[in-house]
Amino acid sequence: MGFLVGPRFAHTGSSQFTPFFQAGIGVTHFSANSDICDEAVEDCSESGFTFAPGGGVDVKLNDKINFRFQLEIPIIHFEGDTETGVKFMFGVSFPIGSK
């Protein structure tokens, strides 16, 4: 589980495609059940600082709905260890506000 905040920069032209870049920073929490943990360790959970650069594109379906493709590379710094991954997400987005 994680919590990230940060800016998103988008090229807002009149095109059907709106590319964007984002950079999130925050905290990621990891916990596992006792079957995975060492017997000597009582608490098998840890939190770490996370930096997650990424980007994607919104594809305009109509004036009220976009289809979104997004890629993110979370870099998580736990105590004495750094983990890196790749997240690919897709879904819908709803533009808010006037143009």
PDB file of N, CA and C in Angstrom:
ATOM      1  N   MET A   1       0.852  -1.164   0.000  1.00  0.00           N
ATOM      2  CA  MET A   1       0.000   0.000   0.000  1.00  0.00           C
ATOM      3  C   MET A   1       0.900   1.229   0.000  1.00  0.00           C
ATOM      4  N   GLY A   2       0.515   2.227  -0.742  1.00  0.00           N
ATOM      5  CA  GLY A   2       1.324   3.430  -0.819  1.00  0.00           C
ATOM      6  C   GLY A   2       0.483   4.675  -0.941  1.00  0.00           C
ATOM      7  N   PHE A   3       1.118   5.804  -0.643  1.00  0.00           N
ATOM      8  CA  PHE A   3       0.479   7.105  -0.778  1.00  0.00           C
ATOM      9  C   PHE A   3       1.480   8.025  -1.454  1.00  0.00           C
ATOM     10  N   LEU A   4       1.127   8.536  -2.641  1.00  0.00           N
ATOM     11  CA  LEU A   4       2.013   9.401  -3.413  1.00  0.00           C
ATOM     12  C   LEU A   4       1.304  10.691  -3.786  1.00  0.00           C
ATOM     13  N   VAL A   5       2.048  11.781  -3.805  1.00  0.00           N
ATOM     14  CA  VAL A   5       1.555  13.064  -4.293  1.00  0.00           C
ATOM     15  C   VAL A   5       2.618  13.649  -5.208  1.00  0.00           C
ATOM     16  N   GLY A   6       2.197  14.512  -6.110  1.00  0.00           N
ATOM     17  CA  GLY A   6       3.162  15.154  -6.986  1.00  0.00           C
ATOM     18  C   GLY A   6       2.503  15.793  -8.178  1.00  0.00           C
ATOM     19  N   PRO A   7       3.302  16.498  -8.968  1.00  0.00           N
ATOM     20  CA  PRO A   7       2.754  17.218 -10.118  1.00  0.00           C
ATOM     21  C   PRO A   7       2.561  16.327 -11.342  1.00  0.00           C
ATOM     22  N   ARG A   8       1.647  16.737 -12.188  1.00  0.00           N
ATOM     23  CA  ARG A   8       1.452  16.122 -13.504  1.00  0.00           C
ATOM     24  C   ARG A   8       1.476  17.249 -14.528  1.00  0.00           C
ATOM     25  N   PHE A   9       2.281  17.074 -15.551  1.00  0.00           N
ATOM     26  CA  PHE A   9       2.388  18.049 -16.632  1.00  0.00           C
ATOM     27  C   PHE A   9       1.840  17.422 -17.897  1.00  0.00           C
ATOM     28  N   ALA A  10       0.870  18.105 -18.520  1.00  0.00           N
ATOM     29  CA  ALA A  10       0.230  17.572 -19.715  1.00  0.00           C
ATOM     30  C   ALA A  10       0.298  18.580 -20.848  1.00  0.00           C
ATOM     31  N   HIS A  11       0.468  18.082 -22.061  1.00  0.00           N
ATOM     32  CA  HIS A  11       0.392  18.919 -23.255  1.00  0.00           C
ATOM     33  C   HIS A  11      -1.074  18.975 -23.667  1.00  0.00           C
ATOM     34  N   THR A  12      -1.689  20.130 -23.466  1.00  0.00           N
ATOM     35  CA  THR A  12      -3.135  20.254 -23.692  1.00  0.00           C
ATOM     36  C   THR A  12      -3.426  20.948 -25.015  1.00  0.00           C
ATOM     37  N   GLY A  13      -3.097  20.282 -26.087  1.00  0.00           N
ATOM     38  CA  GLY A  13      -3.429  20.800 -27.414  1.00  0.00           C
ATOM     39  C   GLY A  13      -4.854  20.405 -27.776  1.00  0.00           C
ATOM     40  N   SER A  14      -5.251  20.691 -28.980  1.00  0.00           N
ATOM     41  CA  SER A  14      -6.601  20.341 -29.415  1.00  0.00           C
ATOM     42  C   SER A  14      -6.632  18.954 -30.064  1.00  0.00           C
ATOM     43  N   SER A  15      -5.585  18.196 -29.876  1.00  0.00           N
ATOM     44  CA  SER A  15      -5.469  16.873 -30.479  1.00  0.00           C
ATOM     45  C   SER A  15      -6.326  15.841 -29.760  1.00  0.00           C
ATOM     46  N   GLN A  16      -6.478  14.693 -30.378  1.00  0.00           N
ATOM     47  CA  GLN A  16      -7.198  13.584 -29.759  1.00  0.00           C
ATOM     48  C   GLN A  16      -6.336  12.915 -28.685  1.00  0.00           C
ATOM     49  N   PHE A  17      -5.014  13.135 -28.717  1.00  0.00           N
ATOM     50  CA  PHE A  17      -4.087  12.534 -27.766  1.00  0.00           C
ATOM     51  C   PHE A  17      -3.493  13.602 -26.859  1.00  0.00           C
ATOM     52  N   THR A  18      -3.483  13.354 -25.538  1.00  0.00           N
ATOM     53  CA  THR A  18      -2.898  14.271 -24.568  1.00  0.00           C
ATOM     54  C   THR A  18      -1.828  13.540 -23.778  1.00  0.00           C
ATOM     55  N   PRO A  19      -0.547  13.696 -24.156  1.00  0.00           N
ATOM     56  CA  PRO A  19       0.522  13.048 -23.393  1.00  0.00           C
ATOM     57  C   PRO A  19       0.763  13.783 -22.078  1.00  0.00           C
ATOM     58  N   PHE A  20       1.215  13.052 -21.056  1.00  0.00           N
ATOM     59  CA  PHE A  20       1.515  13.675 -19.773  1.00  0.00           C
ATOM     60  C   PHE A  20       2.711  13.002 -19.117  1.00  0.00           C
ATOM     61  N   PHE A  21       3.363  13.742 -18.228  1.00  0.00           N
ATOM     62  CA  PHE A  21       4.460  13.252 -17.398  1.00  0.00           C
ATOM     63  C   PHE A  21       4.104  13.574 -15.961  1.00  0.00           C
ATOM     64  N   GLN A  22       4.422  12.664 -15.046  1.00  0.00           N
ATOM     65  CA  GLN A  22       4.156  12.925 -13.629  1.00  0.00           C
ATOM     66  C   GLN A  22       5.310  12.403 -12.784  1.00  0.00           C
ATOM     67  N   ALA A  23       5.430  12.944 -11.580  1.00  0.00           N
ATOM     68  CA  ALA A  23       6.458  12.508 -10.639  1.00  0.00           C
ATOM     69  C   ALA A  23       5.840  12.516  -9.244  1.00  0.00           C
ATOM     70  N   GLY A  24       5.655  11.334  -8.685  1.00  0.00           N
ATOM     71  CA  GLY A  24       5.069  11.218  -7.356  1.00  0.00           C
ATOM     72  C   GLY A  24       6.115  10.907  -6.308  1.00  0.00           C
ATOM     73  N   ILE A  25       5.948  11.475  -5.111  1.00  0.00           N
ATOM     74  CA  ILE A  25       6.790  11.122  -3.970  1.00  0.00           C
ATOM     75  C   ILE A  25       5.867  10.796  -2.804  1.00  0.00           C
ATOM     76  N   GLY A  26       6.326   9.918  -1.934  1.00  0.00           N
ATOM     77  CA  GLY A  26       5.494   9.544  -0.803  1.00  0.00           C
ATOM     78  C   GLY A  26       6.053   8.365  -0.044  1.00  0.00           C
ATOM     79  N   VAL A  27       5.154   7.561   0.508  1.00  0.00           N
ATOM     80  CA  VAL A  27       5.516   6.433   1.357  1.00  0.00           C
ATOM     81  C   VAL A  27       4.820   5.170   0.854  1.00  0.00           C
ATOM     82  N   THR A  28       5.561   4.051   0.876  1.00  0.00           N
ATOM     83  CA  THR A  28       4.998   2.742   0.567  1.00  0.00           C
ATOM     84  C   THR A  28       5.172   1.861   1.794  1.00  0.00           C
ATOM     85  N   HIS A  29       4.128   1.121   2.147  1.00  0.00           N
ATOM     86  CA  HIS A  29       4.169   0.228   3.306  1.00  0.00           C
ATOM     87  C   HIS A  29       4.066  -1.218   2.820  1.00  0.00           C
ATOM     88  N   PHE A  30       4.955  -2.049   3.327  1.00  0.00           N
ATOM     89  CA  PHE A  30       4.965  -3.474   3.002  1.00  0.00           C
ATOM     90  C   PHE A  30       4.725  -4.268   4.272  1.00  0.00           C
ATOM     91  N   SER A  31       3.878  -5.286   4.196  1.00  0.00           N
ATOM     92  CA  SER A  31       3.708  -6.213   5.314  1.00  0.00           C
ATOM     93  C   SER A  31       3.424  -7.591   4.750  1.00  0.00           C
ATOM     94  N   ALA A  32       3.861  -8.616   5.484  1.00  0.00           N
ATOM     95  CA  ALA A  32       3.661  -9.997   5.049  1.00  0.00           C
ATOM     96  C   ALA A  32       3.173 -10.823   6.224  1.00  0.00           C
ATOM     97  N   ASN A  33       2.531 -11.936   5.924  1.00  0.00           N
ATOM     98  CA  ASN A  33       2.058 -12.794   7.008  1.00  0.00           C
ATOM     99  C   ASN A  33       3.221 -13.580   7.609  1.00  0.00           C
ATOM    100  N   SER A  34       2.996 -14.231   8.704  1.00  0.00           N
ATOM    101  CA  SER A  34       4.070 -14.904   9.439  1.00  0.00           C
ATOM    102  C   SER A  34       4.638 -16.105   8.687  1.00  0.00           C
ATOM    103  N   ASP A  35       3.925 -16.647   7.696  1.00  0.00           N
ATOM    104  CA  ASP A  35       4.446 -17.768   6.918  1.00  0.00           C
ATOM    105  C   ASP A  35       5.642 -17.363   6.059  1.00  0.00           C
ATOM    106  N   ILE A  36       5.669 -16.105   5.623  1.00  0.00           N
ATOM    107  CA  ILE A  36       6.746 -15.613   4.766  1.00  0.00           C
ATOM    108  C   ILE A  36       7.925 -15.105   5.594  1.00  0.00           C
ATOM    109  N   CYS A  37       7.654 -14.541   6.758  1.00  0.00           N
ATOM    110  CA  CYS A  37       8.691 -13.928   7.591  1.00  0.00           C
ATOM    111  C   CYS A  37       9.580 -14.987   8.237  1.00  0.00           C
ATOM    112  N   ASP A  38      10.775 -14.544   8.612  1.00  0.00           N
ATOM    113  CA  ASP A  38      11.662 -15.402   9.394  1.00  0.00           C
ATOM    114  C   ASP A  38      11.058 -15.624  10.769  1.00  0.00           C
ATOM    115  N   GLU A  39      11.335 -16.757  11.353  1.00  0.00           N
ATOM    116  CA  GLU A  39      10.811 -17.047  12.692  1.00  0.00           C
ATOM    117  C   GLU A  39      11.374 -16.093  13.739  1.00  0.00           C
ATOM    118  N   ALA A  40      12.582 -15.579  13.492  1.00  0.00           N
ATOM    119  CA  ALA A  40      13.219 -14.686  14.457  1.00  0.00           C
ATOM    120  C   ALA A  40      12.637 -13.273  14.408  1.00  0.00           C
ATOM    121  N   VAL A  41      11.913 -12.952  13.359  1.00  0.00           N
ATOM    122  CA  VAL A  41      11.365 -11.604  13.192  1.00  0.00           C
ATOM    123  C   VAL A  41       9.917 -11.606  13.641  1.00  0.00           C
ATOM    124  N   GLU A  42       9.599 -10.754  14.614  1.00  0.00           N
ATOM    125  CA  GLU A  42       8.214 -10.669  15.087  1.00  0.00           C
ATOM    126  C   GLU A  42       7.356  -9.851  14.139  1.00  0.00           C
ATOM    127  N   ASP A  43       7.827  -8.664  13.792  1.00  0.00           N
ATOM    128  CA  ASP A  43       7.050  -7.750  12.954  1.00  0.00           C
ATOM    129  C   ASP A  43       7.624  -7.769  11.548  1.00  0.00           C
ATOM    130  N   CYS A  44       6.888  -8.293  10.620  1.00  0.00           N
ATOM    131  CA  CYS A  44       7.350  -8.372   9.234  1.00  0.00           C
ATOM    132  C   CYS A  44       6.650  -7.296   8.409  1.00  0.00           C
ATOM    133  N   SER A  45       6.906  -6.054   8.752  1.00  0.00           N
ATOM    134  CA  SER A  45       6.362  -4.933   7.994  1.00  0.00           C
ATOM    135  C   SER A  45       7.386  -3.812   7.990  1.00  0.00           C
ATOM    136  N   GLU A  46       7.310  -2.995   6.954  1.00  0.00           N
ATOM    137  CA  GLU A  46       8.273  -1.916   6.803  1.00  0.00           C
ATOM    138  C   GLU A  46       7.678  -0.837   5.916  1.00  0.00           C
ATOM    139  N   SER A  47       8.053   0.401   6.158  1.00  0.00           N
ATOM    140  CA  SER A  47       7.642   1.522   5.321  1.00  0.00           C
ATOM    141  C   SER A  47       8.880   2.166   4.737  1.00  0.00           C
ATOM    142  N   GLY A  48       8.762   2.705   3.529  1.00  0.00           N
ATOM    143  CA  GLY A  48       9.904   3.335   2.900  1.00  0.00           C
ATOM    144  C   GLY A  48       9.505   4.501   2.017  1.00  0.00           C
ATOM    145  N   PHE A  49      10.480   5.387   1.793  1.00  0.00           N
ATOM    146  CA  PHE A  49      10.303   6.537   0.916  1.00  0.00           C
ATOM    147  C   PHE A  49      10.183   6.048  -0.528  1.00  0.00           C
ATOM    148  N   THR A  50       9.257   6.630  -1.276  1.00  0.00           N
ATOM    149  CA  THR A  50       9.017   6.213  -2.662  1.00  0.00           C
ATOM    150  C   THR A  50       9.064   7.411  -3.607  1.00  0.00           C
ATOM    151  N   PHE A  51       9.757   7.234  -4.711  1.00  0.00           N
ATOM    152  CA  PHE A  51       9.754   8.185  -5.816  1.00  0.00           C
ATOM    153  C   PHE A  51       9.263   7.425  -7.041  1.00  0.00           C
ATOM    154  N   ALA A  52       8.268   7.956  -7.737  1.00  0.00           N
ATOM    155  CA  ALA A  52       7.660   7.222  -8.856  1.00  0.00           C
ATOM    156  C   ALA A  52       7.466   8.129 -10.067  1.00  0.00           C
ATOM    157  N   PRO A  53       8.492   8.245 -10.934  1.00  0.00           N
ATOM    158  CA  PRO A  53       8.292   8.981 -12.178  1.00  0.00           C
ATOM    159  C   PRO A  53       7.488   8.141 -13.159  1.00  0.00           C
ATOM    160  N   GLY A  54       6.788   8.806 -14.036  1.00  0.00           N
ATOM    161  CA  GLY A  54       5.996   8.074 -15.021  1.00  0.00           C
ATOM    162  C   GLY A  54       5.357   9.007 -16.019  1.00  0.00           C
ATOM    163  N   GLY A  55       4.537   8.438 -16.840  1.00  0.00           N
ATOM    164  CA  GLY A  55       3.850   9.221 -17.845  1.00  0.00           C
ATOM    165  C   GLY A  55       2.851   8.362 -18.587  1.00  0.00           C
ATOM    166  N   GLY A  56       2.211   8.978 -19.546  1.00  0.00           N
ATOM    167  CA  GLY A  56       1.217   8.240 -20.302  1.00  0.00           C
ATOM    168  C   GLY A  56       0.541   9.134 -21.321  1.00  0.00           C
ATOM    169  N   VAL A  57      -0.609   8.658 -21.763  1.00  0.00           N
ATOM    170  CA  VAL A  57      -1.374   9.411 -22.749  1.00  0.00           C
ATOM    171  C   VAL A  57      -2.867   9.191 -22.500  1.00  0.00           C
ATOM    172  N   ASP A  58      -3.624  10.275 -22.626  1.00  0.00           N
ATOM    173  CA  ASP A  58      -5.081  10.206 -22.614  1.00  0.00           C
ATOM    174  C   ASP A  58      -5.561  10.262 -24.063  1.00  0.00           C
ATOM    175  N   VAL A  59      -6.396   9.306 -24.436  1.00  0.00           N
ATOM    176  CA  VAL A  59      -6.969   9.264 -25.784  1.00  0.00           C
ATOM    177  C   VAL A  59      -8.420   9.718 -25.670  1.00  0.00           C
ATOM    178  N   LYS A  60      -8.729  10.809 -26.346  1.00  0.00           N
ATOM    179  CA  LYS A  60     -10.067  11.397 -26.259  1.00  0.00           C
ATOM    180  C   LYS A  60     -11.086  10.532 -26.990  1.00  0.00           C
ATOM    181  N   LEU A  61     -12.073  10.014 -26.242  1.00  0.00           N
ATOM    182  CA  LEU A  61     -13.163   9.255 -26.856  1.00  0.00           C
ATOM    183  C   LEU A  61     -14.302  10.181 -27.264  1.00  0.00           C
ATOM    184  N   ASN A  62     -14.626  11.134 -26.372  1.00  0.00           N
ATOM    185  CA  ASN A  62     -15.584  12.198 -26.677  1.00  0.00           C
ATOM    186  C   ASN A  62     -15.272  13.356 -25.726  1.00  0.00           C
ATOM    187  N   ASP A  63     -16.139  14.363 -25.634  1.00  0.00           N
ATOM    188  CA  ASP A  63     -15.858  15.536 -24.797  1.00  0.00           C
ATOM    189  C   ASP A  63     -15.849  15.228 -23.301  1.00  0.00           C
ATOM    190  N   LYS A  64     -16.422  14.097 -22.900  1.00  0.00           N
ATOM    191  CA  LYS A  64     -16.556  13.808 -21.471  1.00  0.00           C
ATOM    192  C   LYS A  64     -15.741  12.614 -20.982  1.00  0.00           C
ATOM    193  N   ILE A  65     -15.172  11.810 -21.875  1.00  0.00           N
ATOM    194  CA  ILE A  65     -14.459  10.595 -21.461  1.00  0.00           C
ATOM    195  C   ILE A  65     -13.169  10.426 -22.266  1.00  0.00           C
ATOM    196  N   ASN A  66     -12.079  10.097 -21.553  1.00  0.00           N
ATOM    197  CA  ASN A  66     -10.803   9.744 -22.162  1.00  0.00           C
ATOM    198  C   ASN A  66     -10.448   8.315 -21.772  1.00  0.00           C
ATOM    199  N   PHE A  67      -9.715   7.634 -22.637  1.00  0.00           N
ATOM    200  CA  PHE A  67      -9.134   6.346 -22.269  1.00  0.00           C
ATOM    201  C   PHE A  67      -7.674   6.625 -21.934  1.00  0.00           C
ATOM    202  N   ARG A  68      -7.173   6.108 -20.805  1.00  0.00           N
ATOM    203  CA  ARG A  68      -5.835   6.437 -20.327  1.00  0.00           C
ATOM    204  C   ARG A  68      -4.932   5.208 -20.329  1.00  0.00           C
ATOM    205  N   PHE A  69      -3.710   5.389 -20.883  1.00  0.00           N
ATOM    206  CA  PHE A  69      -2.620   4.435 -20.765  1.00  0.00           C
ATOM    207  C   PHE A  69      -1.538   5.112 -19.926  1.00  0.00           C
ATOM    208  N   GLN A  70      -1.013   4.416 -18.931  1.00  0.00           N
ATOM    209  CA  GLN A  70      -0.059   5.047 -18.020  1.00  0.00           C
ATOM    210  C   GLN A  70       1.016   4.044 -17.614  1.00  0.00           C
ATOM    211  N   LEU A  71       2.270   4.515 -17.515  1.00  0.00           N
ATOM    212  CA  LEU A  71       3.403   3.715 -17.075  1.00  0.00           C
ATOM    213  C   LEU A  71       4.086   4.444 -15.924  1.00  0.00           C
ATOM    214  N   GLU A  72       4.439   3.700 -14.891  1.00  0.00           N
ATOM    215  CA  GLU A  72       5.068   4.296 -13.706  1.00  0.00           C
ATOM    216  C   GLU A  72       6.209   3.391 -13.254  1.00  0.00           C
ATOM    217  N   ILE A  73       7.301   3.985 -12.790  1.00  0.00           N
ATOM    218  CA  ILE A  73       8.449   3.222 -12.298  1.00  0.00           C
ATOM    219  C   ILE A  73       8.688   3.595 -10.843  1.00  0.00           C
ATOM    220  N   PRO A  74       8.062   2.883  -9.902  1.00  0.00           N
ATOM    221  CA  PRO A  74       8.270   3.197  -8.486  1.00  0.00           C
ATOM    222  C   PRO A  74       9.644   2.736  -8.001  1.00  0.00           C
ATOM    223  N   ILE A  75      10.335   3.629  -7.306  1.00  0.00           N
ATOM    224  CA  ILE A  75      11.634   3.338  -6.697  1.00  0.00           C
ATOM    225  C   ILE A  75      11.430   3.492  -5.194  1.00  0.00           C
ATOM    226  N   ILE A  76      11.492   2.377  -4.464  1.00  0.00           N
ATOM    227  CA  ILE A  76      11.163   2.363  -3.037  1.00  0.00           C
ATOM    228  C   ILE A  76      12.433   2.131  -2.232  1.00  0.00           C
ATOM    229  N   HIS A  77      12.723   3.046  -1.305  1.00  0.00           N
ATOM    230  CA  HIS A  77      13.912   2.945  -0.451  1.00  0.00           C
ATOM    231  C   HIS A  77      13.490   2.467   0.929  1.00  0.00           C
ATOM    232  N   PHE A  78      13.657   1.160   1.181  1.00  0.00           N
ATOM    233  CA  PHE A  78      13.475   0.615   2.518  1.00  0.00           C
ATOM    234  C   PHE A  78      14.799   0.727   3.255  1.00  0.00           C
ATOM    235  N   GLU A  79      14.798   0.481   4.542  1.00  0.00           N
ATOM    236  CA  GLU A  79      16.019   0.568   5.340  1.00  0.00           C
ATOM    237  C   GLU A  79      17.050  -0.438   4.822  1.00  0.00           C
ATOM    238  N   GLY A  80      18.111   0.070   4.219  1.00  0.00           N
ATOM    239  CA  GLY A  80      19.187  -0.774   3.728  1.00  0.00           C
ATOM    240  C   GLY A  80      18.917  -1.459   2.398  1.00  0.00           C
ATOM    241  N   ASP A  81      17.844  -1.127   1.710  1.00  0.00           N
ATOM    242  CA  ASP A  81      17.502  -1.811   0.463  1.00  0.00           C
ATOM    243  C   ASP A  81      16.716  -0.871  -0.441  1.00  0.00           C
ATOM    244  N   THR A  82      16.877  -1.052  -1.742  1.00  0.00           N
ATOM    245  CA  THR A  82      16.107  -0.288  -2.722  1.00  0.00           C
ATOM    246  C   THR A  82      15.429  -1.266  -3.669  1.00  0.00           C
ATOM    247  N   GLU A  83      14.138  -1.099  -3.844  1.00  0.00           N
ATOM    248  CA  GLU A  83      13.354  -1.944  -4.750  1.00  0.00           C
ATOM    249  C   GLU A  83      12.833  -1.070  -5.890  1.00  0.00           C
ATOM    250  N   THR A  84      12.869  -1.609  -7.102  1.00  0.00           N
ATOM    251  CA  THR A  84      12.362  -0.906  -8.278  1.00  0.00           C
ATOM    252  C   THR A  84      11.391  -1.820  -9.011  1.00  0.00           C
ATOM    253  N   GLY A  85      10.346  -1.241  -9.535  1.00  0.00           N
ATOM    254  CA  GLY A  85       9.365  -2.024 -10.283  1.00  0.00           C
ATOM    255  C   GLY A  85       8.831  -1.227 -11.447  1.00  0.00           C
ATOM    256  N   VAL A  86       7.910  -1.829 -12.164  1.00  0.00           N
ATOM    257  CA  VAL A  86       7.243  -1.173 -13.282  1.00  0.00           C
ATOM    258  C   VAL A  86       5.747  -1.421 -13.139  1.00  0.00           C
ATOM    259  N   LYS A  87       4.957  -0.352 -13.242  1.00  0.00           N
ATOM    260  CA  LYS A  87       3.497  -0.473 -13.176  1.00  0.00           C
ATOM    261  C   LYS A  87       2.917   0.030 -14.495  1.00  0.00           C
ATOM    262  N   PHE A  88       2.096  -0.787 -15.121  1.00  0.00           N
ATOM    263  CA  PHE A  88       1.362  -0.376 -16.309  1.00  0.00           C
ATOM    264  C   PHE A  88      -0.113  -0.339 -15.937  1.00  0.00           C
ATOM    265  N   MET A  89      -0.747   0.786 -16.198  1.00  0.00           N
ATOM    266  CA  MET A  89      -2.153   0.956 -15.833  1.00  0.00           C
ATOM    267  C   MET A  89      -2.937   1.461 -17.039  1.00  0.00           C
ATOM    268  N   PHE A  90      -4.200   1.135 -17.065  1.00  0.00           N
ATOM    269  CA  PHE A  90      -5.086   1.691 -18.081  1.00  0.00           C
ATOM    270  C   PHE A  90      -6.469   1.837 -17.470  1.00  0.00           C
ATOM    271  N   GLY A  91      -7.236   2.734 -18.029  1.00  0.00           N
ATOM    272  CA  GLY A  91      -8.580   2.982 -17.519  1.00  0.00           C
ATOM    273  C   GLY A  91      -9.199   4.169 -18.214  1.00  0.00           C
ATOM    274  N   VAL A  92     -10.196   4.761 -17.572  1.00  0.00           N
ATOM    275  CA  VAL A  92     -10.865   5.933 -18.127  1.00  0.00           C
ATOM    276  C   VAL A  92     -10.581   7.138 -17.236  1.00  0.00           C
ATOM    277  N   SER A  93     -10.586   8.304 -17.835  1.00  0.00           N
ATOM    278  CA  SER A  93     -10.465   9.551 -17.086  1.00  0.00           C
ATOM    279  C   SER A  93     -11.560  10.494 -17.573  1.00  0.00           C
ATOM    280  N   PHE A  94     -11.976  11.367 -16.665  1.00  0.00           N
ATOM    281  CA  PHE A  94     -13.058  12.302 -16.949  1.00  0.00           C
ATOM    282  C   PHE A  94     -12.537  13.716 -16.797  1.00  0.00           C
ATOM    283  N   PRO A  95     -12.382  14.471 -17.906  1.00  0.00           N
ATOM    284  CA  PRO A  95     -11.902  15.851 -17.813  1.00  0.00           C
ATOM    285  C   PRO A  95     -12.865  16.709 -17.008  1.00  0.00           C
ATOM    286  N   ILE A  96     -12.308  17.549 -16.136  1.00  0.00           N
ATOM    287  CA  ILE A  96     -13.122  18.446 -15.304  1.00  0.00           C
ATOM    288  C   ILE A  96     -12.694  19.881 -15.618  1.00  0.00           C
ATOM    289  N   GLY A  97     -13.662  20.775 -15.703  1.00  0.00           N
ATOM    290  CA  GLY A  97     -13.354  22.184 -15.925  1.00  0.00           C
ATOM    291  C   GLY A  97     -13.711  22.621 -17.334  1.00  0.00           C
ATOM    292  N   SER A  98     -13.550  23.908 -17.572  1.00  0.00           N
ATOM    293  CA  SER A  98     -13.891  24.466 -18.884  1.00  0.00           C
ATOM    294  C   SER A  98     -12.652  24.510 -19.774  1.00  0.00           C
ATOM    295  N   LYS A  99     -12.884  24.506 -21.055  1.00  0.00           N
ATOM    296  CA  LYS A  99     -11.784  24.570 -22.018  1.00  0.00           C
ATOM    297  C   LYS A  99     -11.898  25.798 -22.854  1.00  0.00           C
TER     298      LYS A  99
END
